Structure formats: C-alpha cells, structure tokens
Amino acid sequence: MNEQIRQIAERMRGLRDALDLTGSQAAQACELSLAEYEKYESGQADIPMSVLCKLAAAFKVEISALITGDEPYMSSYFLTRKDKGKTVERRKAYKYQALAMGFKNAKAEPFIVTVEPNDLAISELHLNSHAGQEFNMVLEGDLLLIIEGKELILHEGDSIYFDSGKAHAMKALNKRPVRFFAIIL
C-alpha cells in the first residue's frame, strides 16, 4: 500500500471517530456505498480527488488536513513558488501539485496536475464526479477529457470550465504526459 494513501486513510478514520460517526453515516455523507467507503478508510484503494473533496466537506475540514495532516494557517495570502507546491501522488497515473494548501478557508482548490500516458481504453478509464465546478487549462501536451460520454481533446493553451458533478475522466494522448492547471470549486 502506498504510504500516502495509508496516512490519508488513517486521518479519515481519526476524523470519523472524532465526529462520532459510524462508517455508514460517513459513507452516506460522502455519497458512497459503505463498501466503497471502507475500502478508502482501510487504505485498500486509492482515494480519488473527488472523494477527498466530498470527505473534506462532510467532515468540515480543509482538504489539506486530509491530504497532508496539516491545517492551513494563512488568511491574507499564500504564496507558492514555482515547482514548490505540495505534491500529492496517490496513483502512478496522476500527480497533483497543490498550490494553495496553506490558505485557510479557501473557496477553491488549485492544482497543477500531471497525467501519465497509459494504454487503457476509454471504456476502462475511471470516471470521477464531485460537487461543484472545475476549470482546467492545458499547459503541456494533449488531453482527452470525457464529460458525460462526450470526448473533448484539449491542446496546450486550451481551457475548459465544467460542472464537475458530471462524470468525467482524463487521459494523456500521444504517449506523452500532459500537465494542466486545475481549479476545483
């Protein structure tokens, strides 16, 4: 098991215990089945960013508290220098560089996301959905973005704003990694 996944799972369990919630109550608050929730809380499965966003909202904590264990502390501004954002690698295919983890009560979560190429068929891609909206702007490479079955190809400089409650998935094209700027609202 990936060490970061294990740590996130431990924080989930600790928060649920502190809130005196059953697994069923936590699963319901996160719009997950009990079996899904238990897989995440036990560290047996990678926890998608969409689920982390739901967990943070359900547990009324900052997403950084779940991901890093650190509470954000800045309220006027939070500066992130180039390539110095907190790196979150839960899966080999996705790497997130968080850009505002230290800002308290952030209204959005900005990331630089790197998606590694893979040989998965479109039908094999993991679909995500989470409450709110999302903005993505491709910085390098070519990205296949699927939203509710619609296939969109974004090239360097292209951007998209969409309802992240719609099922969506991403795939790097042309056997090259793709980097994009993402804001989850």
Protein backbone atom coordinates (compact mmCIF):
# COMPACT_ATOMS: atom_id res chain seq x y z
CA MET A 1 0.00 0.00 0.00
CA ASN A 2 1.24 3.49 -0.87
CA GLU A 3 2.36 5.29 2.29
CA GLN A 4 0.46 8.46 1.41
CA ILE A 5 -2.78 6.51 0.89
CA ARG A 6 -2.26 4.78 4.25
CA GLN A 7 -1.78 8.14 6.00
CA ILE A 8 -4.86 9.67 4.38
CA ALA A 9 -6.87 6.57 5.39
CA GLU A 10 -5.68 6.95 9.00
CA ARG A 11 -6.74 10.61 9.03
CA MET A 12 -10.15 9.63 7.62
CA ARG A 13 -10.62 7.07 10.38
CA GLY A 14 -9.46 9.53 13.04
CA LEU A 15 -11.78 12.28 11.82
CA ARG A 16 -14.73 9.91 11.61
CA ASP A 17 -14.03 8.71 15.15
CA ALA A 18 -13.64 12.29 16.42
CA LEU A 19 -17.01 13.19 14.87
CA ASP A 20 -18.52 10.05 16.41
CA LEU A 21 -19.85 8.83 13.05
CA THR A 22 -20.39 5.24 12.01
CA GLY A 23 -18.92 4.03 8.75
CA SER A 24 -22.43 4.04 7.27
CA GLN A 25 -23.01 7.66 8.30
CA ALA A 26 -19.66 8.76 6.83
CA ALA A 27 -20.33 6.84 3.62
CA GLN A 28 -23.76 8.43 3.28
CA ALA A 29 -22.35 11.92 3.87
CA CYS A 30 -19.81 11.29 1.11
CA GLU A 31 -22.39 9.76 -1.26
CA LEU A 32 -20.54 6.43 -1.27
CA SER A 33 -21.58 2.87 -0.59
CA LEU A 34 -20.39 1.51 2.74
CA ALA A 35 -18.14 -0.97 0.90
CA GLU A 36 -16.51 1.86 -1.11
CA TYR A 37 -16.02 3.98 1.98
CA GLU A 38 -14.49 1.09 3.91
CA LYS A 39 -12.03 0.40 1.06
CA TYR A 40 -10.84 4.01 1.23
CA GLU A 41 -10.73 4.23 5.02
CA SER A 42 -8.78 0.96 5.28
CA GLY A 43 -6.24 2.16 2.70
CA GLN A 44 -7.06 -0.74 0.38
CA ALA A 45 -7.89 1.55 -2.53
CA ASP A 46 -6.59 4.82 -3.89
CA ILE A 47 -8.82 7.73 -2.92
CA PRO A 48 -9.83 9.88 -5.91
CA MET A 49 -9.57 13.65 -5.53
CA SER A 50 -13.34 13.86 -5.98
CA VAL A 51 -13.84 11.64 -2.92
CA LEU A 52 -11.31 13.67 -0.91
CA CYS A 53 -13.31 16.82 -1.72
CA LYS A 54 -16.53 15.14 -0.55
CA LEU A 55 -14.83 13.87 2.62
CA ALA A 56 -13.45 17.30 3.46
CA ALA A 57 -16.90 18.84 3.04
CA ALA A 58 -18.61 16.07 5.03
CA PHE A 59 -16.06 16.22 7.86
CA LYS A 60 -15.98 20.05 7.73
CA VAL A 61 -12.19 20.19 7.41
CA GLU A 62 -9.83 21.68 4.88
CA ILE A 63 -8.81 19.24 2.16
CA SER A 64 -5.18 19.83 3.17
CA ALA A 65 -5.96 18.36 6.60
CA LEU A 66 -6.96 15.11 4.90
CA ILE A 67 -4.14 15.04 2.37
CA THR A 68 -1.21 16.25 4.45
CA GLY A 69 -2.40 16.23 8.05
CA ASP A 70 -1.52 19.92 8.28
CA GLU A 71 -4.08 22.60 8.97
CA PRO A 72 -3.83 25.68 6.74
CA TYR A 73 -2.89 28.82 8.62
CA MET A 74 -2.67 31.75 6.17
CA SER A 75 -5.67 34.03 5.75
CA SER A 76 -4.35 37.05 3.83
CA TYR A 77 -2.39 35.24 1.10
CA PHE A 78 -0.45 32.06 0.48
CA LEU A 79 2.50 32.16 -1.91
CA THR A 80 3.60 29.04 -3.77
CA ARG A 81 6.90 29.32 -5.64
CA LYS A 82 7.40 27.59 -8.99
CA ASP A 83 7.53 23.79 -8.58
CA LYS A 84 7.26 24.12 -4.77
CA GLY A 85 3.59 23.23 -4.24
CA LYS A 86 2.81 20.28 -2.00
CA THR A 87 2.98 17.16 -4.16
CA VAL A 88 0.22 14.64 -3.80
CA GLU A 89 0.90 11.33 -5.55
CA ARG A 90 -1.70 8.73 -4.78
CA ARG A 91 -1.64 6.89 -8.07
CA LYS A 92 1.05 6.36 -10.66
CA ALA A 93 -1.17 7.85 -13.38
CA TYR A 94 -1.90 11.16 -11.61
CA LYS A 95 0.33 13.60 -9.75
CA TYR A 96 -1.18 16.67 -8.10
CA GLN A 97 0.83 19.71 -7.05
CA ALA A 98 -1.36 21.66 -4.63
CA LEU A 99 -0.95 25.42 -4.95
CA ALA A 100 -2.98 26.76 -2.00
CA MET A 101 -2.78 24.12 0.75
CA GLY A 102 -1.72 26.70 3.32
CA PHE A 103 -4.63 29.10 2.80
CA LYS A 104 -7.35 28.83 5.43
CA ASN A 105 -10.99 28.60 4.26
CA ALA A 106 -10.04 28.55 0.57
CA LYS A 107 -13.07 28.76 -1.73
CA ALA A 108 -11.28 26.75 -4.44
CA GLU A 109 -8.52 24.15 -4.72
CA PRO A 110 -5.93 25.00 -7.41
CA PHE A 111 -3.54 22.27 -8.63
CA ILE A 112 -1.04 21.55 -11.33
CA VAL A 113 -1.96 18.03 -12.45
CA THR A 114 0.26 15.68 -14.41
CA VAL A 115 -1.39 12.72 -16.11
CA GLU A 116 0.95 9.99 -17.30
CA PRO A 117 0.17 8.17 -20.54
CA ASN A 118 -1.34 4.70 -20.31
CA ASP A 119 -2.73 2.03 -22.61
CA LEU A 120 -6.21 1.99 -21.09
CA ALA A 121 -9.15 2.01 -23.46
CA ILE A 122 -11.61 4.86 -22.98
CA SER A 123 -14.11 2.40 -21.51
CA GLU A 124 -11.53 1.45 -18.83
CA LEU A 125 -10.93 4.99 -17.56
CA HIS A 126 -12.04 5.78 -14.01
CA LEU A 127 -14.89 8.30 -14.02
CA ASN A 128 -14.91 10.98 -11.32
CA SER A 129 -17.65 13.31 -10.20
CA HIS A 130 -17.79 15.75 -7.32
CA ALA A 131 -19.99 18.61 -6.31
CA GLY A 132 -19.14 21.99 -7.75
CA GLN A 133 -17.33 23.13 -10.82
CA GLU A 134 -13.88 22.65 -12.32
CA PHE A 135 -11.59 24.68 -14.55
CA ASN A 136 -8.73 23.03 -16.47
CA MET A 137 -6.12 24.70 -18.71
CA VAL A 138 -3.60 22.55 -20.57
CA LEU A 139 -0.01 23.70 -20.00
CA GLU A 140 1.82 20.91 -21.87
CA GLY A 141 0.72 18.01 -24.01
CA ASP A 142 -2.64 16.88 -25.28
CA LEU A 143 -5.52 15.83 -23.03
CA LEU A 144 -8.55 13.73 -23.77
CA LEU A 145 -11.30 14.86 -21.41
CA ILE A 146 -14.52 12.88 -21.30
CA ILE A 147 -17.57 14.56 -19.75
CA GLU A 148 -20.81 12.56 -19.63
CA GLY A 149 -19.60 10.46 -22.59
CA LYS A 150 -18.62 13.47 -24.73
CA GLU A 151 -14.95 13.24 -25.83
CA LEU A 152 -13.08 16.52 -25.96
CA ILE A 153 -9.42 16.96 -26.94
CA LEU A 154 -7.59 19.88 -25.38
CA HIS A 155 -4.21 21.05 -26.61
CA GLU A 156 -1.65 23.33 -24.99
CA GLY A 157 -3.33 26.64 -24.12
CA ASP A 158 -6.89 25.25 -24.35
CA SER A 159 -9.12 25.51 -21.30
CA ILE A 160 -12.47 24.24 -20.17
CA TYR A 161 -14.88 25.08 -17.35
CA PHE A 162 -17.44 22.43 -16.47
CA ASP A 163 -19.91 21.05 -13.95
CA SER A 164 -17.77 18.56 -12.04
CA GLY A 165 -20.90 16.77 -10.85
CA LYS A 166 -20.97 15.27 -14.36
CA ALA A 167 -18.99 12.04 -14.70
CA HIS A 168 -15.58 12.87 -16.18
CA ALA A 169 -12.24 11.23 -16.92
CA MET A 170 -8.89 12.30 -18.34
CA LYS A 171 -6.25 10.61 -20.48
CA ALA A 172 -2.89 11.81 -21.75
CA LEU A 173 -2.58 11.46 -25.52
CA ASN A 174 0.29 10.80 -27.92
CA LYS A 175 2.23 8.70 -25.37
CA ARG A 176 3.35 11.88 -23.59
CA PRO A 177 2.46 13.17 -20.13
CA VAL A 178 0.05 16.08 -20.02
CA ARG A 179 0.24 18.90 -17.45
CA PHE A 180 -2.70 21.13 -16.75
CA PHE A 181 -3.76 23.79 -14.29
CA ALA A 182 -6.92 22.76 -12.45
CA ILE A 183 -9.16 24.68 -10.10
CA ILE A 184 -11.79 22.70 -8.22
CA LEU A 185 -14.58 24.95 -6.92
